[in-house]
Amino acid sequence: MGAMRSDHLFLSSSASPLTRRSTLLAALAALALPASRVAAATSSPGVWPKALQVPGGVARLSLGPAAVRPVAYAGDVPLLVLGDAAEWTAIVGIPLSAEPGEASIAVETPGGRRTLPYTISPKRYSEQRLKVEPRTVDLSPEDQARYERERTHQALVMATLTEPPHTQVLRMRAPTPGRRSSSFGLRRVFNGQPRNPHSGMDIAAATGTAVVSPLPARVIDTGDYFFNGNTVWLDHGGGLLSLMCHLSATDVKPGDMLKTGERLGEVGATGRVTGPHLHWGVMLNRTMVDPALFLDA
């Protein structure tokens, strides 16, 4: 339910001064923002992905009721829209490179096109310094050419857009058991050289530990990549993708259909790594977002 606006504030005379003050501040905050922004800034319990409107996070924006599914865009990239005729919600991946402040999406319905604003809050991510093989930081001409070929290919994979998933609750299962050894968004420094922030969740586990699909999925790509090692890309529908990297073994091929919890490979230490682990990435509207927002804990 959207936030309600009122020109009058009613406070119980029996409430404590602290309670009355907290209630008043909350009500004033609601009055200061359009209802759509208040609704977008909150996340209800039992809803996945959880809303966290920061760089690398997810915005859940109510599109209201409509007889048919609205079409929504971030720039020119289609967004995942879930719901039913009573209420539709746009699930928006926010890039790690996004500047805090005002942002918006475009929404198209049979009644026309409109802009829906939301606010991105700042978030500071920690820094991580790693020592890796020098050849994986200062690339040779041959490795640079390989990386560029792979980047072009994976850009096509990341543009995959199929029908939205049937479920409205995108609660994911952790793809492998283990300790989360490196958090999403870390600013990474390899051998003293700054590189792109960490765009996934690292889960430390022994080589050979099973890796499973976090949601029903279709395998859309497998390969051995320079940085990512043995990799599997999964399509969960509507532009929601998963990426599994550094595998020691791959048990699937493009076109395979997987159920939640179905095995796709094994943890390994292929590609640019400091030890065996799974790098798990989640992508929304071609944007890597924090996988923790899709987990129960």
C-alpha atoms as a PDB file:
ATOM      1  CA  MET A   1       0.000   0.000   0.000  1.00  0.00           C
ATOM      2  CA  GLY A   2       1.360   3.453  -0.872  1.00  0.00           C
ATOM      3  CA  ALA A   3       2.109   6.069   1.764  1.00  0.00           C
ATOM      4  CA  MET A   4      -0.871   8.281   2.638  1.00  0.00           C
ATOM      5  CA  ARG A   5      -0.685  12.055   2.653  1.00  0.00           C
ATOM      6  CA  SER A   6      -2.746  14.301   4.881  1.00  0.00           C
ATOM      7  CA  ASP A   7      -2.885  18.000   5.697  1.00  0.00           C
ATOM      8  CA  HIS A   8      -3.571  17.203   9.346  1.00  0.00           C
ATOM      9  CA  LEU A   9      -1.465  15.364  11.921  1.00  0.00           C
ATOM     10  CA  PHE A  10      -3.182  13.577  14.820  1.00  0.00           C
ATOM     11  CA  LEU A  11      -1.118  12.519  17.846  1.00  0.00           C
ATOM     12  CA  SER A  12      -2.414  10.736  20.910  1.00  0.00           C
ATOM     13  CA  SER A  13      -2.195  12.884  24.037  1.00  0.00           C
ATOM     14  CA  SER A  14      -1.286   9.762  26.010  1.00  0.00           C
ATOM     15  CA  ALA A  15       1.841   9.096  23.948  1.00  0.00           C
ATOM     16  CA  SER A  16       5.236   9.938  25.459  1.00  0.00           C
ATOM     17  CA  PRO A  17       7.032  13.110  24.263  1.00  0.00           C
ATOM     18  CA  LEU A  18       9.612  10.930  22.483  1.00  0.00           C
ATOM     19  CA  THR A  19       6.916   8.879  20.752  1.00  0.00           C
ATOM     20  CA  ARG A  20       4.991  12.004  19.708  1.00  0.00           C
ATOM     21  CA  ARG A  21       8.196  13.583  18.364  1.00  0.00           C
ATOM     22  CA  SER A  22       9.123  10.441  16.357  1.00  0.00           C
ATOM     23  CA  THR A  23       5.616  10.191  14.935  1.00  0.00           C
ATOM     24  CA  LEU A  24       5.602  13.861  13.985  1.00  0.00           C
ATOM     25  CA  LEU A  25       8.985  13.599  12.235  1.00  0.00           C
ATOM     26  CA  ALA A  26       7.876  10.528  10.303  1.00  0.00           C
ATOM     27  CA  ALA A  27       4.664  12.223   9.217  1.00  0.00           C
ATOM     28  CA  LEU A  28       6.490  15.361   8.148  1.00  0.00           C
ATOM     29  CA  ALA A  29       8.929  13.261   6.131  1.00  0.00           C
ATOM     30  CA  ALA A  30       6.001  11.625   4.324  1.00  0.00           C
ATOM     31  CA  LEU A  31       4.488  15.020   3.565  1.00  0.00           C
ATOM     32  CA  ALA A  32       7.766  16.248   2.130  1.00  0.00           C
ATOM     33  CA  LEU A  33       7.954  13.545  -0.557  1.00  0.00           C
ATOM     34  CA  PRO A  34       5.587  12.428  -3.288  1.00  0.00           C
ATOM     35  CA  ALA A  35       3.871   9.168  -2.404  1.00  0.00           C
ATOM     36  CA  SER A  36       5.735   7.292  -5.152  1.00  0.00           C
ATOM     37  CA  ARG A  37       9.076   8.231  -3.630  1.00  0.00           C
ATOM     38  CA  VAL A  38       8.022   7.262  -0.112  1.00  0.00           C
ATOM     39  CA  ALA A  39       6.825   3.862  -1.364  1.00  0.00           C
ATOM     40  CA  ALA A  40      10.056   3.359  -3.305  1.00  0.00           C
ATOM     41  CA  ALA A  41      12.201   4.131  -0.256  1.00  0.00           C
ATOM     42  CA  THR A  42      10.714   1.352   1.888  1.00  0.00           C
ATOM     43  CA  SER A  43      10.984  -2.420   1.716  1.00  0.00           C
ATOM     44  CA  SER A  44       8.334  -4.714   3.167  1.00  0.00           C
ATOM     45  CA  PRO A  45       9.337  -7.844   5.089  1.00  0.00           C
ATOM     46  CA  GLY A  46       9.105 -11.010   3.010  1.00  0.00           C
ATOM     47  CA  VAL A  47       9.710  -9.200  -0.291  1.00  0.00           C
ATOM     48  CA  TRP A  48      12.655 -10.112  -2.546  1.00  0.00           C
ATOM     49  CA  PRO A  49      14.705  -8.521  -3.852  1.00  0.00           C
ATOM     50  CA  LYS A  50      14.889  -6.154  -0.918  1.00  0.00           C
ATOM     51  CA  ALA A  51      14.807  -2.464  -1.776  1.00  0.00           C
ATOM     52  CA  LEU A  52      18.046  -0.565  -1.177  1.00  0.00           C
ATOM     53  CA  GLN A  53      18.280   2.601  -3.244  1.00  0.00           C
ATOM     54  CA  VAL A  54      22.056   3.049  -3.305  1.00  0.00           C
ATOM     55  CA  PRO A  55      24.675   2.530  -6.045  1.00  0.00           C
ATOM     56  CA  GLY A  56      24.712  -1.221  -6.649  1.00  0.00           C
ATOM     57  CA  GLY A  57      21.298  -1.642  -5.013  1.00  0.00           C
ATOM     58  CA  VAL A  58      17.722  -2.204  -6.141  1.00  0.00           C
ATOM     59  CA  ALA A  59      14.750   0.163  -6.330  1.00  0.00           C
ATOM     60  CA  ARG A  60      11.209  -1.203  -6.176  1.00  0.00           C
ATOM     61  CA  LEU A  61       8.954   1.391  -7.809  1.00  0.00           C
ATOM     62  CA  SER A  62       5.176   1.053  -7.754  1.00  0.00           C
ATOM     63  CA  LEU A  63       3.620   1.605 -11.180  1.00  0.00           C
ATOM     64  CA  GLY A  64       0.050   1.349  -9.900  1.00  0.00           C
ATOM     65  CA  PRO A  65      -2.802  -0.713 -11.390  1.00  0.00           C
ATOM     66  CA  ALA A  66      -3.177  -1.449 -15.092  1.00  0.00           C
ATOM     67  CA  ALA A  67      -5.045  -4.036 -17.142  1.00  0.00           C
ATOM     68  CA  VAL A  68      -1.835  -5.042 -18.963  1.00  0.00           C
ATOM     69  CA  ARG A  69       1.775  -5.137 -17.822  1.00  0.00           C
ATOM     70  CA  PRO A  70       3.364  -1.682 -18.230  1.00  0.00           C
ATOM     71  CA  VAL A  71       6.665  -1.332 -20.059  1.00  0.00           C
ATOM     72  CA  ALA A  72       9.391   0.501 -18.116  1.00  0.00           C
ATOM     73  CA  TYR A  73      12.884   1.658 -19.070  1.00  0.00           C
ATOM     74  CA  ALA A  74      16.057   2.898 -17.406  1.00  0.00           C
ATOM     75  CA  GLY A  75      17.421   4.971 -20.259  1.00  0.00           C
ATOM     76  CA  ASP A  76      16.834   2.670 -23.227  1.00  0.00           C
ATOM     77  CA  VAL A  77      17.203  -0.578 -21.248  1.00  0.00           C
ATOM     78  CA  PRO A  78      13.947  -2.463 -20.465  1.00  0.00           C
ATOM     79  CA  LEU A  79      13.197  -3.107 -16.796  1.00  0.00           C
ATOM     80  CA  LEU A  80      11.770  -6.118 -15.018  1.00  0.00           C
ATOM     81  CA  VAL A  81       8.101  -5.445 -14.160  1.00  0.00           C
ATOM     82  CA  LEU A  82       6.271  -7.819 -11.813  1.00  0.00           C
ATOM     83  CA  GLY A  83       2.759  -7.891 -10.380  1.00  0.00           C
ATOM     84  CA  ASP A  84      -0.785  -8.115 -11.675  1.00  0.00           C
ATOM     85  CA  ALA A  85      -3.636  -5.842 -12.733  1.00  0.00           C
ATOM     86  CA  ALA A  86      -4.081  -4.624  -9.137  1.00  0.00           C
ATOM     87  CA  GLU A  87      -0.510  -3.283  -8.916  1.00  0.00           C
ATOM     88  CA  TRP A  88       2.658  -3.513 -10.974  1.00  0.00           C
ATOM     89  CA  THR A  89       6.193  -2.933  -9.649  1.00  0.00           C
ATOM     90  CA  ALA A  90       9.347  -2.051 -11.575  1.00  0.00           C
ATOM     91  CA  ILE A  91      12.454  -3.795 -10.185  1.00  0.00           C
ATOM     92  CA  VAL A  92      15.351  -1.477 -11.026  1.00  0.00           C
ATOM     93  CA  GLY A  93      19.034  -2.338 -10.803  1.00  0.00           C
ATOM     94  CA  ILE A  94      21.078   0.743  -9.841  1.00  0.00           C
ATOM     95  CA  PRO A  95      24.620   0.846 -11.300  1.00  0.00           C
ATOM     96  CA  LEU A  96      27.582   0.980  -8.915  1.00  0.00           C
ATOM     97  CA  SER A  97      28.695   4.035 -10.892  1.00  0.00           C
ATOM     98  CA  ALA A  98      25.411   5.901 -10.268  1.00  0.00           C
ATOM     99  CA  GLU A  99      25.706   9.313  -8.607  1.00  0.00           C
ATOM    100  CA  PRO A 100      23.588   9.819  -5.473  1.00  0.00           C
ATOM    101  CA  GLY A 101      20.619  12.116  -6.017  1.00  0.00           C
ATOM    102  CA  GLU A 102      17.570  12.208  -8.246  1.00  0.00           C
ATOM    103  CA  ALA A 103      17.006   9.525 -10.877  1.00  0.00           C
ATOM    104  CA  SER A 104      14.018   8.379 -12.896  1.00  0.00           C
ATOM    105  CA  ILE A 105      12.581   5.661 -15.096  1.00  0.00           C
ATOM    106  CA  ALA A 106      10.194   5.945 -18.031  1.00  0.00           C
ATOM    107  CA  VAL A 107       6.875   4.066 -17.934  1.00  0.00           C
ATOM    108  CA  GLU A 108       4.699   3.293 -20.944  1.00  0.00           C
ATOM    109  CA  THR A 109       1.048   2.236 -20.694  1.00  0.00           C
ATOM    110  CA  PRO A 110      -1.821   2.378 -23.190  1.00  0.00           C
ATOM    111  CA  GLY A 111      -2.607   5.763 -21.624  1.00  0.00           C
ATOM    112  CA  GLY A 112       0.767   7.233 -22.592  1.00  0.00           C
ATOM    113  CA  ARG A 113       4.339   7.688 -21.366  1.00  0.00           C
ATOM    114  CA  ARG A 114       5.351   9.182 -18.015  1.00  0.00           C
ATOM    115  CA  THR A 115       8.458   9.656 -15.914  1.00  0.00           C
ATOM    116  CA  LEU A 116       8.672   8.187 -12.430  1.00  0.00           C
ATOM    117  CA  PRO A 117      11.314   9.749 -10.148  1.00  0.00           C
ATOM    118  CA  TYR A 118      13.196   8.144  -7.271  1.00  0.00           C
ATOM    119  CA  THR A 119      16.183   9.045  -5.101  1.00  0.00           C
ATOM    120  CA  ILE A 120      19.558   7.271  -4.908  1.00  0.00           C
ATOM    121  CA  SER A 121      21.165   7.542  -1.468  1.00  0.00           C
ATOM    122  CA  PRO A 122      24.959   7.557  -1.042  1.00  0.00           C
ATOM    123  CA  LYS A 123      26.853   4.481   0.130  1.00  0.00           C
ATOM    124  CA  ARG A 124      30.559   4.160   0.856  1.00  0.00           C
ATOM    125  CA  TYR A 125      32.137   0.808   0.052  1.00  0.00           C
ATOM    126  CA  SER A 126      35.338  -0.493   1.622  1.00  0.00           C
ATOM    127  CA  GLU A 127      38.641  -1.064  -0.161  1.00  0.00           C
ATOM    128  CA  GLN A 128      40.361  -4.418  -0.668  1.00  0.00           C
ATOM    129  CA  ARG A 129      44.023  -4.932  -1.659  1.00  0.00           C
ATOM    130  CA  LEU A 130      44.944  -8.216  -3.349  1.00  0.00           C
ATOM    131  CA  LYS A 131      48.109  -9.853  -4.660  1.00  0.00           C
ATOM    132  CA  VAL A 132      47.559 -11.862  -7.830  1.00  0.00           C
ATOM    133  CA  GLU A 133      49.608 -13.171 -10.732  1.00  0.00           C
ATOM    134  CA  PRO A 134      51.254 -10.151 -12.416  1.00  0.00           C
ATOM    135  CA  ARG A 135      50.122 -11.357 -15.864  1.00  0.00           C
ATOM    136  CA  THR A 136      46.476 -10.941 -14.789  1.00  0.00           C
ATOM    137  CA  VAL A 137      47.038  -7.230 -14.000  1.00  0.00           C
ATOM    138  CA  ASP A 138      49.530  -6.118 -16.671  1.00  0.00           C
ATOM    139  CA  LEU A 139      48.113  -7.936 -19.666  1.00  0.00           C
ATOM    140  CA  SER A 140      50.249  -9.022 -22.598  1.00  0.00           C
ATOM    141  CA  PRO A 141      49.046  -7.987 -26.073  1.00  0.00           C
ATOM    142  CA  GLU A 142      47.728 -11.523 -26.602  1.00  0.00           C
ATOM    143  CA  ASP A 143      45.847 -11.571 -23.276  1.00  0.00           C
ATOM    144  CA  GLN A 144      44.481  -8.066 -23.913  1.00  0.00           C
ATOM    145  CA  ALA A 145      43.142  -9.172 -27.293  1.00  0.00           C
ATOM    146  CA  ARG A 146      41.575 -12.254 -25.691  1.00  0.00           C
ATOM    147  CA  TYR A 147      39.961 -10.143 -22.962  1.00  0.00           C
ATOM    148  CA  GLU A 148      38.478  -7.738 -25.519  1.00  0.00           C
ATOM    149  CA  ARG A 149      37.015 -10.621 -27.560  1.00  0.00           C
ATOM    150  CA  GLU A 150      35.495 -12.085 -24.410  1.00  0.00           C
ATOM    151  CA  ARG A 151      34.130  -8.714 -23.315  1.00  0.00           C
ATOM    152  CA  THR A 152      32.356  -8.264 -26.661  1.00  0.00           C
ATOM    153  CA  HIS A 153      30.864 -11.757 -26.443  1.00  0.00           C
ATOM    154  CA  GLN A 154      29.706 -11.351 -22.836  1.00  0.00           C
ATOM    155  CA  ALA A 155      28.078  -7.998 -23.651  1.00  0.00           C
ATOM    156  CA  LEU A 156      25.766  -9.930 -25.978  1.00  0.00           C
ATOM    157  CA  VAL A 157      25.066 -12.462 -23.217  1.00  0.00           C
ATOM    158  CA  MET A 158      24.262  -9.683 -20.735  1.00  0.00           C
ATOM    159  CA  ALA A 159      21.738  -8.176 -23.156  1.00  0.00           C
ATOM    160  CA  THR A 160      19.573 -11.330 -22.923  1.00  0.00           C
ATOM    161  CA  LEU A 161      15.927 -10.396 -22.365  1.00  0.00           C
ATOM    162  CA  THR A 162      13.189 -13.023 -22.136  1.00  0.00           C
ATOM    163  CA  GLU A 163       9.704 -13.188 -20.642  1.00  0.00           C
ATOM    164  CA  PRO A 164       9.512 -12.154 -16.946  1.00  0.00           C
ATOM    165  CA  PRO A 165       9.488 -14.957 -14.361  1.00  0.00           C
ATOM    166  CA  HIS A 166       6.071 -16.247 -13.283  1.00  0.00           C
ATOM    167  CA  THR A 167       6.767 -15.690  -9.588  1.00  0.00           C
ATOM    168  CA  GLN A 168       6.557 -12.259  -7.967  1.00  0.00           C
ATOM    169  CA  VAL A 169       8.920 -13.185  -5.106  1.00  0.00           C
ATOM    170  CA  LEU A 170      12.502 -13.438  -6.342  1.00  0.00           C
ATOM    171  CA  ARG A 171      13.930 -15.014  -3.204  1.00  0.00           C
ATOM    172  CA  MET A 172      17.147 -16.769  -4.220  1.00  0.00           C
ATOM    173  CA  ARG A 173      18.926 -19.748  -2.737  1.00  0.00           C
ATOM    174  CA  ALA A 174      22.652 -19.278  -2.028  1.00  0.00           C
ATOM    175  CA  PRO A 175      24.367 -21.145  -4.887  1.00  0.00           C
ATOM    176  CA  THR A 176      26.937 -22.811  -2.636  1.00  0.00           C
ATOM    177  CA  PRO A 177      27.514 -23.106   1.124  1.00  0.00           C
ATOM    178  CA  GLY A 178      30.433 -21.232   2.620  1.00  0.00           C
ATOM    179  CA  ARG A 179      31.742 -18.019   4.123  1.00  0.00           C
ATOM    180  CA  ARG A 180      31.172 -14.782   2.238  1.00  0.00           C
ATOM    181  CA  SER A 181      34.809 -13.847   1.748  1.00  0.00           C
ATOM    182  CA  SER A 182      34.495 -10.676  -0.283  1.00  0.00           C
ATOM    183  CA  SER A 183      31.539  -8.335  -0.311  1.00  0.00           C
ATOM    184  CA  PHE A 184      29.808  -6.674  -3.223  1.00  0.00           C
ATOM    185  CA  GLY A 185      31.013  -3.167  -4.072  1.00  0.00           C
ATOM    186  CA  LEU A 186      34.528  -3.409  -2.608  1.00  0.00           C
ATOM    187  CA  ARG A 187      36.931  -1.015  -4.307  1.00  0.00           C
ATOM    188  CA  ARG A 188      39.631  -3.416  -5.450  1.00  0.00           C
ATOM    189  CA  VAL A 189      43.358  -2.815  -5.791  1.00  0.00           C
ATOM    190  CA  PHE A 190      45.308  -5.581  -7.540  1.00  0.00           C
ATOM    191  CA  ASN A 191      49.083  -5.497  -7.023  1.00  0.00           C
ATOM    192  CA  GLY A 192      48.806  -1.816  -6.083  1.00  0.00           C
ATOM    193  CA  GLN A 193      46.731  -0.877  -9.147  1.00  0.00           C
ATOM    194  CA  PRO A 194      43.089   0.268  -8.710  1.00  0.00           C
ATOM    195  CA  ARG A 195      40.527  -1.684 -10.734  1.00  0.00           C
ATOM    196  CA  ASN A 196      36.739  -1.804 -11.047  1.00  0.00           C
ATOM    197  CA  PRO A 197      34.752  -2.387  -7.826  1.00  0.00           C
ATOM    198  CA  HIS A 198      33.821  -5.943  -6.957  1.00  0.00           C
ATOM    199  CA  SER A 199      30.568  -6.634  -8.783  1.00  0.00           C
ATOM    200  CA  GLY A 200      29.458  -9.836  -7.070  1.00  0.00           C
ATOM    201  CA  MET A 201      29.559 -11.922  -3.902  1.00  0.00           C
ATOM    202  CA  ASP A 202      32.519 -14.226  -3.228  1.00  0.00           C
ATOM    203  CA  ILE A 203      31.735 -17.399  -1.280  1.00  0.00           C
ATOM    204  CA  ALA A 204      34.770 -19.285   0.050  1.00  0.00           C
ATOM    205  CA  ALA A 205      34.419 -23.045  -0.347  1.00  0.00           C
ATOM    206  CA  ALA A 206      36.635 -26.010  -1.097  1.00  0.00           C
ATOM    207  CA  THR A 207      37.351 -26.998  -4.676  1.00  0.00           C
ATOM    208  CA  GLY A 208      34.702 -29.464  -5.795  1.00  0.00           C
ATOM    209  CA  THR A 209      31.874 -28.072  -3.639  1.00  0.00           C
ATOM    210  CA  ALA A 210      28.615 -28.217  -5.608  1.00  0.00           C
ATOM    211  CA  VAL A 211      27.256 -25.000  -7.163  1.00  0.00           C
ATOM    212  CA  VAL A 212      23.505 -24.885  -7.799  1.00  0.00           C
ATOM    213  CA  SER A 213      21.016 -22.605  -9.518  1.00  0.00           C
ATOM    214  CA  PRO A 214      19.587 -19.958  -7.146  1.00  0.00           C
ATOM    215  CA  LEU A 215      16.257 -19.800  -9.043  1.00  0.00           C
ATOM    216  CA  PRO A 216      14.685 -21.617 -11.993  1.00  0.00           C
ATOM    217  CA  ALA A 217      16.842 -20.739 -14.985  1.00  0.00           C
ATOM    218  CA  ARG A 218      17.948 -21.438 -18.517  1.00  0.00           C
ATOM    219  CA  VAL A 219      21.693 -21.742 -19.149  1.00  0.00           C
ATOM    220  CA  ILE A 220      22.584 -19.085 -21.714  1.00  0.00           C
ATOM    221  CA  ASP A 221      26.397 -19.251 -21.795  1.00  0.00           C
ATOM    222  CA  THR A 222      29.346 -21.317 -20.583  1.00  0.00           C
ATOM    223  CA  GLY A 223      33.040 -20.789 -21.203  1.00  0.00           C
ATOM    224  CA  ASP A 224      36.569 -20.406 -19.901  1.00  0.00           C
ATOM    225  CA  TYR A 225      37.285 -16.674 -19.611  1.00  0.00           C
ATOM    226  CA  PHE A 226      40.553 -14.862 -18.854  1.00  0.00           C
ATOM    227  CA  PHE A 227      39.459 -13.150 -15.635  1.00  0.00           C
ATOM    228  CA  ASN A 228      36.382 -15.212 -14.684  1.00  0.00           C
ATOM    229  CA  GLY A 229      37.767 -18.676 -15.399  1.00  0.00           C
ATOM    230  CA  ASN A 230      35.172 -21.393 -16.020  1.00  0.00           C
ATOM    231  CA  THR A 231      31.857 -19.540 -16.081  1.00  0.00           C
ATOM    232  CA  VAL A 232      28.129 -20.220 -16.331  1.00  0.00           C
ATOM    233  CA  TRP A 233      25.512 -17.553 -17.122  1.00  0.00           C
ATOM    234  CA  LEU A 234      21.883 -18.200 -16.107  1.00  0.00           C
ATOM    235  CA  ASP A 235      18.746 -16.442 -17.347  1.00  0.00           C
ATOM    236  CA  HIS A 236      15.973 -16.207 -14.732  1.00  0.00           C
ATOM    237  CA  GLY A 237      13.698 -14.135 -16.998  1.00  0.00           C
ATOM    238  CA  GLY A 238      12.931 -10.476 -17.610  1.00  0.00           C
ATOM    239  CA  GLY A 239      16.580  -9.358 -17.671  1.00  0.00           C
ATOM    240  CA  LEU A 240      17.432 -11.009 -14.325  1.00  0.00           C
ATOM    241  CA  LEU A 241      20.641 -13.026 -14.807  1.00  0.00           C
ATOM    242  CA  SER A 242      23.095 -14.906 -12.590  1.00  0.00           C
ATOM    243  CA  LEU A 243      26.824 -15.333 -13.201  1.00  0.00           C
ATOM    244  CA  MET A 244      28.914 -18.143 -11.649  1.00  0.00           C
ATOM    245  CA  CYS A 245      32.698 -17.811 -11.999  1.00  0.00           C
ATOM    246  CA  HIS A 246      35.988 -19.631 -11.216  1.00  0.00           C
ATOM    247  CA  LEU A 247      34.395 -23.091 -11.458  1.00  0.00           C
ATOM    248  CA  SER A 248      36.589 -26.206 -11.448  1.00  0.00           C
ATOM    249  CA  ALA A 249      33.937 -28.139 -13.385  1.00  0.00           C
ATOM    250  CA  THR A 250      30.856 -27.233 -15.423  1.00  0.00           C
ATOM    251  CA  ASP A 251      27.995 -29.735 -15.616  1.00  0.00           C
ATOM    252  CA  VAL A 252      25.658 -27.841 -17.956  1.00  0.00           C
ATOM    253  CA  LYS A 253      25.518 -26.460 -21.478  1.00  0.00           C
ATOM    254  CA  PRO A 254      23.636 -23.565 -23.117  1.00  0.00           C
ATOM    255  CA  GLY A 255      19.947 -24.361 -23.464  1.00  0.00           C
ATOM    256  CA  ASP A 256      19.724 -26.535 -20.349  1.00  0.00           C
ATOM    257  CA  MET A 257      16.796 -25.762 -18.046  1.00  0.00           C
ATOM    258  CA  LEU A 258      17.487 -25.822 -14.298  1.00  0.00           C
ATOM    259  CA  LYS A 259      15.269 -25.887 -11.241  1.00  0.00           C
ATOM    260  CA  THR A 260      16.104 -24.051  -8.022  1.00  0.00           C
ATOM    261  CA  GLY A 261      18.866 -26.010  -6.291  1.00  0.00           C
ATOM    262  CA  GLU A 262      19.838 -28.031  -9.358  1.00  0.00           C
ATOM    263  CA  ARG A 263      23.580 -28.557  -9.758  1.00  0.00           C
ATOM    264  CA  LEU A 264      25.444 -26.676 -12.494  1.00  0.00           C
ATOM    265  CA  GLY A 265      29.106 -27.140 -11.551  1.00  0.00           C
ATOM    266  CA  GLU A 266      31.752 -27.122  -8.819  1.00  0.00           C
ATOM    267  CA  VAL A 267      33.689 -24.457  -6.939  1.00  0.00           C
ATOM    268  CA  GLY A 268      37.235 -23.937  -8.227  1.00  0.00           C
ATOM    269  CA  ALA A 269      40.118 -21.505  -8.602  1.00  0.00           C
ATOM    270  CA  THR A 270      40.194 -20.793 -12.346  1.00  0.00           C
ATOM    271  CA  GLY A 271      40.771 -17.303 -13.784  1.00  0.00           C
ATOM    272  CA  ARG A 272      42.097 -14.403 -11.671  1.00  0.00           C
ATOM    273  CA  VAL A 273      41.823 -15.682  -8.093  1.00  0.00           C
ATOM    274  CA  THR A 274      43.745 -15.905  -4.848  1.00  0.00           C
ATOM    275  CA  GLY A 275      42.185 -19.238  -3.839  1.00  0.00           C
ATOM    276  CA  PRO A 276      39.172 -21.491  -4.430  1.00  0.00           C
ATOM    277  CA  HIS A 277      35.818 -19.725  -4.168  1.00  0.00           C
ATOM    278  CA  LEU A 278      32.642 -18.972  -6.097  1.00  0.00           C
ATOM    279  CA  HIS A 279      32.116 -15.508  -7.533  1.00  0.00           C
ATOM    280  CA  TRP A 280      28.355 -15.067  -7.842  1.00  0.00           C
ATOM    281  CA  GLY A 281      26.996 -12.096  -9.737  1.00  0.00           C
ATOM    282  CA  VAL A 282      23.385 -10.969 -10.158  1.00  0.00           C
ATOM    283  CA  MET A 283      22.374  -8.679 -13.012  1.00  0.00           C
ATOM    284  CA  LEU A 284      19.218  -6.597 -13.433  1.00  0.00           C
ATOM    285  CA  ASN A 285      18.623  -4.456 -16.547  1.00  0.00           C
ATOM    286  CA  ARG A 286      22.275  -5.067 -17.586  1.00  0.00           C
ATOM    287  CA  THR A 287      23.476  -3.780 -14.203  1.00  0.00           C
ATOM    288  CA  MET A 288      25.339  -5.816 -11.586  1.00  0.00           C
ATOM    289  CA  VAL A 289      23.587  -5.500  -8.211  1.00  0.00           C
ATOM    290  CA  ASP A 290      24.199  -6.838  -4.705  1.00  0.00           C
ATOM    291  CA  PRO A 291      23.216 -10.559  -4.574  1.00  0.00           C
ATOM    292  CA  ALA A 292      22.593 -10.245  -0.807  1.00  0.00           C
ATOM    293  CA  LEU A 293      19.379  -8.347  -1.606  1.00  0.00           C
ATOM    294  CA  PHE A 294      17.948 -11.575  -3.053  1.00  0.00           C
ATOM    295  CA  LEU A 295      18.808 -13.742  -0.029  1.00  0.00           C
ATOM    296  CA  ASP A 296      16.847 -14.365   3.139  1.00  0.00           C
ATOM    297  CA  ALA A 297      19.832 -13.430   5.320  1.00  0.00           C
END
